[in-house]
Amino acid sequence: MTHPPEHQSPAPRGVTVLLQPSGKTCVVPPKPVHVVLAQLNIRPTTVLVIREGGLLTPDTALKNGDSIIVRTVVSSG
């Protein structure tokens, strides 16, 4: 059995999600944006989903190691 060299970190698993404005973070399995939002009980029409400064559409596939921001854009009253 071989072990990876110590200078190599394992590949990141899952998608890191930062929820704004709450500041909460979570890690979810890589899926399309609309599936991730459904898992988090978030209506797609109430948020912007951002990766590396660009907006994502609901059908965008997320992959292991991605970090996204889910920013609420609708006031909850």
PDB file of N, CA and C in Angstrom:
ATOM      1  N   MET A   1       0.839  -1.178   0.000  1.00  0.00           N
ATOM      2  CA  MET A   1       0.000   0.000   0.000  1.00  0.00           C
ATOM      3  C   MET A   1       0.885   1.242   0.000  1.00  0.00           C
ATOM      4  N   THR A   2       0.547   2.188  -0.885  1.00  0.00           N
ATOM      5  CA  THR A   2       1.312   3.425  -0.950  1.00  0.00           C
ATOM      6  C   THR A   2       0.486   4.570  -0.379  1.00  0.00           C
ATOM      7  N   HIS A   3       1.190   5.529   0.153  1.00  0.00           N
ATOM      8  CA  HIS A   3       0.540   6.715   0.698  1.00  0.00           C
ATOM      9  C   HIS A   3       0.932   7.912  -0.154  1.00  0.00           C
ATOM     10  N   PRO A   4       0.036   8.882  -0.311  1.00  0.00           N
ATOM     11  CA  PRO A   4       0.406  10.075  -1.077  1.00  0.00           C
ATOM     12  C   PRO A   4       1.480  10.847  -0.334  1.00  0.00           C
ATOM     13  N   PRO A   5       2.329  11.515  -1.071  1.00  0.00           N
ATOM     14  CA  PRO A   5       3.347  12.344  -0.415  1.00  0.00           C
ATOM     15  C   PRO A   5       2.683  13.372   0.502  1.00  0.00           C
ATOM     16  N   GLU A   6       3.384  13.739   1.569  1.00  0.00           N
ATOM     17  CA  GLU A   6       2.808  14.642   2.561  1.00  0.00           C
ATOM     18  C   GLU A   6       2.504  16.025   2.005  1.00  0.00           C
ATOM     19  N   HIS A   7       3.224  16.451   0.988  1.00  0.00           N
ATOM     20  CA  HIS A   7       2.982  17.789   0.450  1.00  0.00           C
ATOM     21  C   HIS A   7       1.720  17.873  -0.392  1.00  0.00           C
ATOM     22  N   GLN A   8       1.129  16.723  -0.713  1.00  0.00           N
ATOM     23  CA  GLN A   8      -0.106  16.742  -1.487  1.00  0.00           C
ATOM     24  C   GLN A   8      -1.292  16.582  -0.542  1.00  0.00           C
ATOM     25  N   SER A   9      -2.223  17.502  -0.646  1.00  0.00           N
ATOM     26  CA  SER A   9      -3.441  17.352   0.150  1.00  0.00           C
ATOM     27  C   SER A   9      -4.463  16.586  -0.678  1.00  0.00           C
ATOM     28  N   PRO A  10      -5.346  15.884  -0.014  1.00  0.00           N
ATOM     29  CA  PRO A  10      -6.344  15.139  -0.772  1.00  0.00           C
ATOM     30  C   PRO A  10      -7.255  16.093  -1.532  1.00  0.00           C
ATOM     31  N   ALA A  11      -7.812  15.597  -2.618  1.00  0.00           N
ATOM     32  CA  ALA A  11      -8.727  16.420  -3.401  1.00  0.00           C
ATOM     33  C   ALA A  11      -9.913  16.822  -2.541  1.00  0.00           C
ATOM     34  N   PRO A  12     -10.330  18.093  -2.635  1.00  0.00           N
ATOM     35  CA  PRO A  12     -11.468  18.534  -1.832  1.00  0.00           C
ATOM     36  C   PRO A  12     -12.726  17.765  -2.217  1.00  0.00           C
ATOM     37  N   ARG A  13     -13.517  17.446  -1.232  1.00  0.00           N
ATOM     38  CA  ARG A  13     -14.743  16.702  -1.469  1.00  0.00           C
ATOM     39  C   ARG A  13     -15.922  17.607  -1.200  1.00  0.00           C
ATOM     40  N   GLY A  14     -16.832  17.647  -2.103  1.00  0.00           N
ATOM     41  CA  GLY A  14     -18.040  18.424  -1.921  1.00  0.00           C
ATOM     42  C   GLY A  14     -17.893  19.873  -2.368  1.00  0.00           C
ATOM     43  N   VAL A  15     -18.995  20.577  -2.228  1.00  0.00           N
ATOM     44  CA  VAL A  15     -19.080  21.986  -2.606  1.00  0.00           C
ATOM     45  C   VAL A  15     -19.289  22.791  -1.336  1.00  0.00           C
ATOM     46  N   THR A  16     -18.431  23.777  -1.111  1.00  0.00           N
ATOM     47  CA  THR A  16     -18.578  24.641   0.053  1.00  0.00           C
ATOM     48  C   THR A  16     -19.548  25.761  -0.290  1.00  0.00           C
ATOM     49  N   VAL A  17     -20.561  25.906   0.537  1.00  0.00           N
ATOM     50  CA  VAL A  17     -21.604  26.910   0.306  1.00  0.00           C
ATOM     51  C   VAL A  17     -21.551  27.938   1.428  1.00  0.00           C
ATOM     52  N   LEU A  18     -21.397  29.188   1.065  1.00  0.00           N
ATOM     53  CA  LEU A  18     -21.463  30.289   2.027  1.00  0.00           C
ATOM     54  C   LEU A  18     -22.799  30.979   1.833  1.00  0.00           C
ATOM     55  N   LEU A  19     -23.604  30.995   2.882  1.00  0.00           N
ATOM     56  CA  LEU A  19     -24.917  31.630   2.821  1.00  0.00           C
ATOM     57  C   LEU A  19     -24.781  33.067   3.312  1.00  0.00           C
ATOM     58  N   GLN A  20     -25.274  33.991   2.487  1.00  0.00           N
ATOM     59  CA  GLN A  20     -25.232  35.405   2.878  1.00  0.00           C
ATOM     60  C   GLN A  20     -26.651  35.947   2.934  1.00  0.00           C
ATOM     61  N   PRO A  21     -27.016  36.711   3.899  1.00  0.00           N
ATOM     62  CA  PRO A  21     -26.121  37.422   4.805  1.00  0.00           C
ATOM     63  C   PRO A  21     -25.850  36.707   6.126  1.00  0.00           C
ATOM     64  N   SER A  22     -26.341  35.487   6.322  1.00  0.00           N
ATOM     65  CA  SER A  22     -26.192  34.836   7.631  1.00  0.00           C
ATOM     66  C   SER A  22     -24.737  34.489   7.955  1.00  0.00           C
ATOM     67  N   GLY A  23     -23.933  34.233   6.920  1.00  0.00           N
ATOM     68  CA  GLY A  23     -22.541  33.865   7.133  1.00  0.00           C
ATOM     69  C   GLY A  23     -22.342  32.383   7.436  1.00  0.00           C
ATOM     70  N   LYS A  24     -23.426  31.604   7.422  1.00  0.00           N
ATOM     71  CA  LYS A  24     -23.312  30.168   7.666  1.00  0.00           C
ATOM     72  C   LYS A  24     -22.656  29.491   6.465  1.00  0.00           C
ATOM     73  N   THR A  25     -21.923  28.419   6.743  1.00  0.00           N
ATOM     74  CA  THR A  25     -21.326  27.642   5.667  1.00  0.00           C
ATOM     75  C   THR A  25     -21.719  26.182   5.832  1.00  0.00           C
ATOM     76  N   CYS A  26     -21.734  25.480   4.719  1.00  0.00           N
ATOM     77  CA  CYS A  26     -21.974  24.045   4.751  1.00  0.00           C
ATOM     78  C   CYS A  26     -21.292  23.439   3.531  1.00  0.00           C
ATOM     79  N   VAL A  27     -21.129  22.141   3.562  1.00  0.00           N
ATOM     80  CA  VAL A  27     -20.555  21.409   2.439  1.00  0.00           C
ATOM     81  C   VAL A  27     -21.603  20.425   1.945  1.00  0.00           C
ATOM     82  N   VAL A  28     -21.869  20.465   0.649  1.00  0.00           N
ATOM     83  CA  VAL A  28     -22.885  19.612   0.053  1.00  0.00           C
ATOM     84  C   VAL A  28     -22.258  18.797  -1.079  1.00  0.00           C
ATOM     85  N   PRO A  29     -22.899  17.700  -1.447  1.00  0.00           N
ATOM     86  CA  PRO A  29     -22.380  16.926  -2.586  1.00  0.00           C
ATOM     87  C   PRO A  29     -22.478  17.733  -3.880  1.00  0.00           C
ATOM     88  N   PRO A  30     -21.578  17.488  -4.824  1.00  0.00           N
ATOM     89  CA  PRO A  30     -21.640  18.215  -6.094  1.00  0.00           C
ATOM     90  C   PRO A  30     -22.865  17.802  -6.904  1.00  0.00           C
ATOM     91  N   LYS A  31     -23.686  18.776  -7.220  1.00  0.00           N
ATOM     92  CA  LYS A  31     -24.935  18.577  -7.980  1.00  0.00           C
ATOM     93  C   LYS A  31     -25.185  19.867  -8.753  1.00  0.00           C
ATOM     94  N   PRO A  32     -26.189  19.876  -9.617  1.00  0.00           N
ATOM     95  CA  PRO A  32     -26.569  21.145 -10.248  1.00  0.00           C
ATOM     96  C   PRO A  32     -27.057  22.153  -9.199  1.00  0.00           C
ATOM     97  N   VAL A  33     -26.924  23.421  -9.519  1.00  0.00           N
ATOM     98  CA  VAL A  33     -27.287  24.485  -8.574  1.00  0.00           C
ATOM     99  C   VAL A  33     -28.713  24.316  -8.061  1.00  0.00           C
ATOM    100  N   HIS A  34     -29.658  24.033  -8.936  1.00  0.00           N
ATOM    101  CA  HIS A  34     -31.053  23.953  -8.493  1.00  0.00           C
ATOM    102  C   HIS A  34     -31.259  22.813  -7.491  1.00  0.00           C
ATOM    103  N   VAL A  35     -30.499  21.745  -7.602  1.00  0.00           N
ATOM    104  CA  VAL A  35     -30.614  20.627  -6.651  1.00  0.00           C
ATOM    105  C   VAL A  35     -30.020  21.024  -5.292  1.00  0.00           C
ATOM    106  N   VAL A  36     -28.895  21.701  -5.335  1.00  0.00           N
ATOM    107  CA  VAL A  36     -28.279  22.173  -4.075  1.00  0.00           C
ATOM    108  C   VAL A  36     -29.228  23.119  -3.352  1.00  0.00           C
ATOM    109  N   LEU A  37     -29.838  24.039  -4.104  1.00  0.00           N
ATOM    110  CA  LEU A  37     -30.779  24.972  -3.469  1.00  0.00           C
ATOM    111  C   LEU A  37     -31.963  24.225  -2.872  1.00  0.00           C
ATOM    112  N   ALA A  38     -32.473  23.236  -3.573  1.00  0.00           N
ATOM    113  CA  ALA A  38     -33.599  22.453  -3.046  1.00  0.00           C
ATOM    114  C   ALA A  38     -33.195  21.723  -1.762  1.00  0.00           C
ATOM    115  N   GLN A  39     -31.980  21.174  -1.736  1.00  0.00           N
ATOM    116  CA  GLN A  39     -31.507  20.482  -0.531  1.00  0.00           C
ATOM    117  C   GLN A  39     -31.406  21.432   0.655  1.00  0.00           C
ATOM    118  N   LEU A  40     -31.127  22.701   0.365  1.00  0.00           N
ATOM    119  CA  LEU A  40     -30.990  23.695   1.431  1.00  0.00           C
ATOM    120  C   LEU A  40     -32.312  24.416   1.703  1.00  0.00           C
ATOM    121  N   ASN A  41     -33.386  23.974   1.042  1.00  0.00           N
ATOM    122  CA  ASN A  41     -34.718  24.591   1.194  1.00  0.00           C
ATOM    123  C   ASN A  41     -34.700  26.080   0.846  1.00  0.00           C
ATOM    124  N   ILE A  42     -34.034  26.397  -0.253  1.00  0.00           N
ATOM    125  CA  ILE A  42     -33.934  27.781  -0.712  1.00  0.00           C
ATOM    126  C   ILE A  42     -34.632  27.895  -2.065  1.00  0.00           C
ATOM    127  N   ARG A  43     -35.529  28.869  -2.183  1.00  0.00           N
ATOM    128  CA  ARG A  43     -36.209  29.106  -3.464  1.00  0.00           C
ATOM    129  C   ARG A  43     -35.251  29.817  -4.410  1.00  0.00           C
ATOM    130  N   PRO A  44     -35.046  29.281  -5.609  1.00  0.00           N
ATOM    131  CA  PRO A  44     -34.073  29.866  -6.540  1.00  0.00           C
ATOM    132  C   PRO A  44     -34.355  31.318  -6.906  1.00  0.00           C
ATOM    133  N   THR A  45     -35.606  31.730  -6.832  1.00  0.00           N
ATOM    134  CA  THR A  45     -35.947  33.107  -7.209  1.00  0.00           C
ATOM    135  C   THR A  45     -35.601  34.130  -6.123  1.00  0.00           C
ATOM    136  N   THR A  46     -35.133  33.675  -4.986  1.00  0.00           N
ATOM    137  CA  THR A  46     -34.844  34.595  -3.882  1.00  0.00           C
ATOM    138  C   THR A  46     -33.345  34.821  -3.660  1.00  0.00           C
ATOM    139  N   VAL A  47     -32.513  34.175  -4.494  1.00  0.00           N
ATOM    140  CA  VAL A  47     -31.066  34.260  -4.251  1.00  0.00           C
ATOM    141  C   VAL A  47     -30.282  34.447  -5.549  1.00  0.00           C
ATOM    142  N   LEU A  48     -29.064  34.929  -5.380  1.00  0.00           N
ATOM    143  CA  LEU A  48     -28.061  34.887  -6.443  1.00  0.00           C
ATOM    144  C   LEU A  48     -27.054  33.825  -6.040  1.00  0.00           C
ATOM    145  N   VAL A  49     -26.627  33.031  -6.998  1.00  0.00           N
ATOM    146  CA  VAL A  49     -25.606  32.018  -6.728  1.00  0.00           C
ATOM    147  C   VAL A  49     -24.353  32.424  -7.496  1.00  0.00           C
ATOM    148  N   ILE A  50     -23.263  32.556  -6.758  1.00  0.00           N
ATOM    149  CA  ILE A  50     -22.039  33.140  -7.301  1.00  0.00           C
ATOM    150  C   ILE A  50     -20.873  32.181  -7.114  1.00  0.00           C
ATOM    151  N   ARG A  51     -20.069  32.018  -8.172  1.00  0.00           N
ATOM    152  CA  ARG A  51     -18.830  31.240  -8.090  1.00  0.00           C
ATOM    153  C   ARG A  51     -17.741  32.037  -8.790  1.00  0.00           C
ATOM    154  N   GLU A  52     -16.665  32.285  -8.088  1.00  0.00           N
ATOM    155  CA  GLU A  52     -15.514  33.022  -8.629  1.00  0.00           C
ATOM    156  C   GLU A  52     -15.951  34.330  -9.281  1.00  0.00           C
ATOM    157  N   GLY A  53     -16.870  35.029  -8.659  1.00  0.00           N
ATOM    158  CA  GLY A  53     -17.300  36.332  -9.126  1.00  0.00           C
ATOM    159  C   GLY A  53     -18.337  36.315 -10.231  1.00  0.00           C
ATOM    160  N   GLY A  54     -18.718  35.152 -10.713  1.00  0.00           N
ATOM    161  CA  GLY A  54     -19.703  35.058 -11.782  1.00  0.00           C
ATOM    162  C   GLY A  54     -21.007  34.444 -11.297  1.00  0.00           C
ATOM    163  N   LEU A  55     -22.102  34.895 -11.882  1.00  0.00           N
ATOM    164  CA  LEU A  55     -23.401  34.349 -11.520  1.00  0.00           C
ATOM    165  C   LEU A  55     -23.604  32.986 -12.178  1.00  0.00           C
ATOM    166  N   LEU A  56     -24.255  32.093 -11.454  1.00  0.00           N
ATOM    167  CA  LEU A  56     -24.544  30.754 -11.968  1.00  0.00           C
ATOM    168  C   LEU A  56     -26.023  30.617 -12.255  1.00  0.00           C
ATOM    169  N   THR A  57     -26.333  29.843 -13.277  1.00  0.00           N
ATOM    170  CA  THR A  57     -27.723  29.545 -13.583  1.00  0.00           C
ATOM    171  C   THR A  57     -28.129  28.264 -12.849  1.00  0.00           C
ATOM    172  N   PRO A  58     -29.438  28.032 -12.697  1.00  0.00           N
ATOM    173  CA  PRO A  58     -29.883  26.852 -11.946  1.00  0.00           C
ATOM    174  C   PRO A  58     -29.369  25.525 -12.502  1.00  0.00           C
ATOM    175  N   ASP A  59     -29.094  25.466 -13.802  1.00  0.00           N
ATOM    176  CA  ASP A  59     -28.652  24.197 -14.383  1.00  0.00           C
ATOM    177  C   ASP A  59     -27.131  24.014 -14.364  1.00  0.00           C
ATOM    178  N   THR A  60     -26.404  24.969 -13.806  1.00  0.00           N
ATOM    179  CA  THR A  60     -24.948  24.850 -13.741  1.00  0.00           C
ATOM    180  C   THR A  60     -24.553  23.687 -12.836  1.00  0.00           C
ATOM    181  N   ALA A  61     -23.709  22.813 -13.342  1.00  0.00           N
ATOM    182  CA  ALA A  61     -23.228  21.674 -12.545  1.00  0.00           C
ATOM    183  C   ALA A  61     -22.083  22.135 -11.652  1.00  0.00           C
ATOM    184  N   LEU A  62     -22.161  21.782 -10.379  1.00  0.00           N
ATOM    185  CA  LEU A  62     -21.093  22.081  -9.429  1.00  0.00           C
ATOM    186  C   LEU A  62     -20.233  20.844  -9.284  1.00  0.00           C
ATOM    187  N   LYS A  63     -18.950  21.073  -8.978  1.00  0.00           N
ATOM    188  CA  LYS A  63     -18.044  19.927  -8.857  1.00  0.00           C
ATOM    189  C   LYS A  63     -17.283  19.991  -7.539  1.00  0.00           C
ATOM    190  N   ASN A  64     -16.704  18.871  -7.171  1.00  0.00           N
ATOM    191  CA  ASN A  64     -15.914  18.815  -5.947  1.00  0.00           C
ATOM    192  C   ASN A  64     -14.889  19.933  -5.942  1.00  0.00           C
ATOM    193  N   GLY A  65     -14.785  20.591  -4.806  1.00  0.00           N
ATOM    194  CA  GLY A  65     -13.822  21.661  -4.655  1.00  0.00           C
ATOM    195  C   GLY A  65     -14.365  23.049  -4.952  1.00  0.00           C
ATOM    196  N   ASP A  66     -15.563  23.132  -5.540  1.00  0.00           N
ATOM    197  CA  ASP A  66     -16.159  24.444  -5.804  1.00  0.00           C
ATOM    198  C   ASP A  66     -16.527  25.124  -4.495  1.00  0.00           C
ATOM    199  N   SER A  67     -16.448  26.436  -4.500  1.00  0.00           N
ATOM    200  CA  SER A  67     -16.963  27.262  -3.407  1.00  0.00           C
ATOM    201  C   SER A  67     -17.944  28.238  -4.021  1.00  0.00           C
ATOM    202  N   ILE A  68     -19.144  28.285  -3.465  1.00  0.00           N
ATOM    203  CA  ILE A  68     -20.153  29.197  -4.002  1.00  0.00           C
ATOM    204  C   ILE A  68     -20.701  30.070  -2.881  1.00  0.00           C
ATOM    205  N   ILE A  69     -21.225  31.200  -3.290  1.00  0.00           N
ATOM    206  CA  ILE A  69     -21.932  32.096  -2.379  1.00  0.00           C
ATOM    207  C   ILE A  69     -23.390  32.078  -2.786  1.00  0.00           C
ATOM    208  N   VAL A  70     -24.275  31.881  -1.828  1.00  0.00           N
ATOM    209  CA  VAL A  70     -25.711  31.973  -2.057  1.00  0.00           C
ATOM    210  C   VAL A  70     -26.188  33.214  -1.308  1.00  0.00           C
ATOM    211  N   ARG A  71     -26.453  34.264  -2.076  1.00  0.00           N
ATOM    212  CA  ARG A  71     -26.779  35.565  -1.493  1.00  0.00           C
ATOM    213  C   ARG A  71     -28.270  35.845  -1.633  1.00  0.00           C
ATOM    214  N   THR A  72     -28.917  36.039  -0.503  1.00  0.00           N
ATOM    215  CA  THR A  72     -30.343  36.365  -0.511  1.00  0.00           C
ATOM    216  C   THR A  72     -30.535  37.764  -1.073  1.00  0.00           C
ATOM    217  N   VAL A  73     -31.470  37.896  -2.017  1.00  0.00           N
ATOM    218  CA  VAL A  73     -31.717  39.195  -2.637  1.00  0.00           C
ATOM    219  C   VAL A  73     -33.142  39.675  -2.415  1.00  0.00           C
ATOM    220  N   VAL A  74     -33.931  38.899  -1.701  1.00  0.00           N
ATOM    221  CA  VAL A  74     -35.315  39.267  -1.427  1.00  0.00           C
ATOM    222  C   VAL A  74     -35.480  39.362   0.076  1.00  0.00           C
ATOM    223  N   SER A  75     -36.057  40.441   0.502  1.00  0.00           N
ATOM    224  CA  SER A  75     -36.312  40.612   1.925  1.00  0.00           C
ATOM    225  C   SER A  75     -37.402  39.652   2.371  1.00  0.00           C
ATOM    226  N   SER A  76     -37.230  39.098   3.550  1.00  0.00           N
ATOM    227  CA  SER A  76     -38.238  38.164   4.070  1.00  0.00           C
ATOM    228  C   SER A  76     -39.297  38.893   4.888  1.00  0.00           C
ATOM    229  N   GLY A  77     -39.281  40.198   4.857  1.00  0.00           N
ATOM    230  CA  GLY A  77     -40.326  40.983   5.487  1.00  0.00           C
ATOM    231  C   GLY A  77     -39.936  41.415   6.803  1.00  0.00           C
TER     232      GLY A  77
END
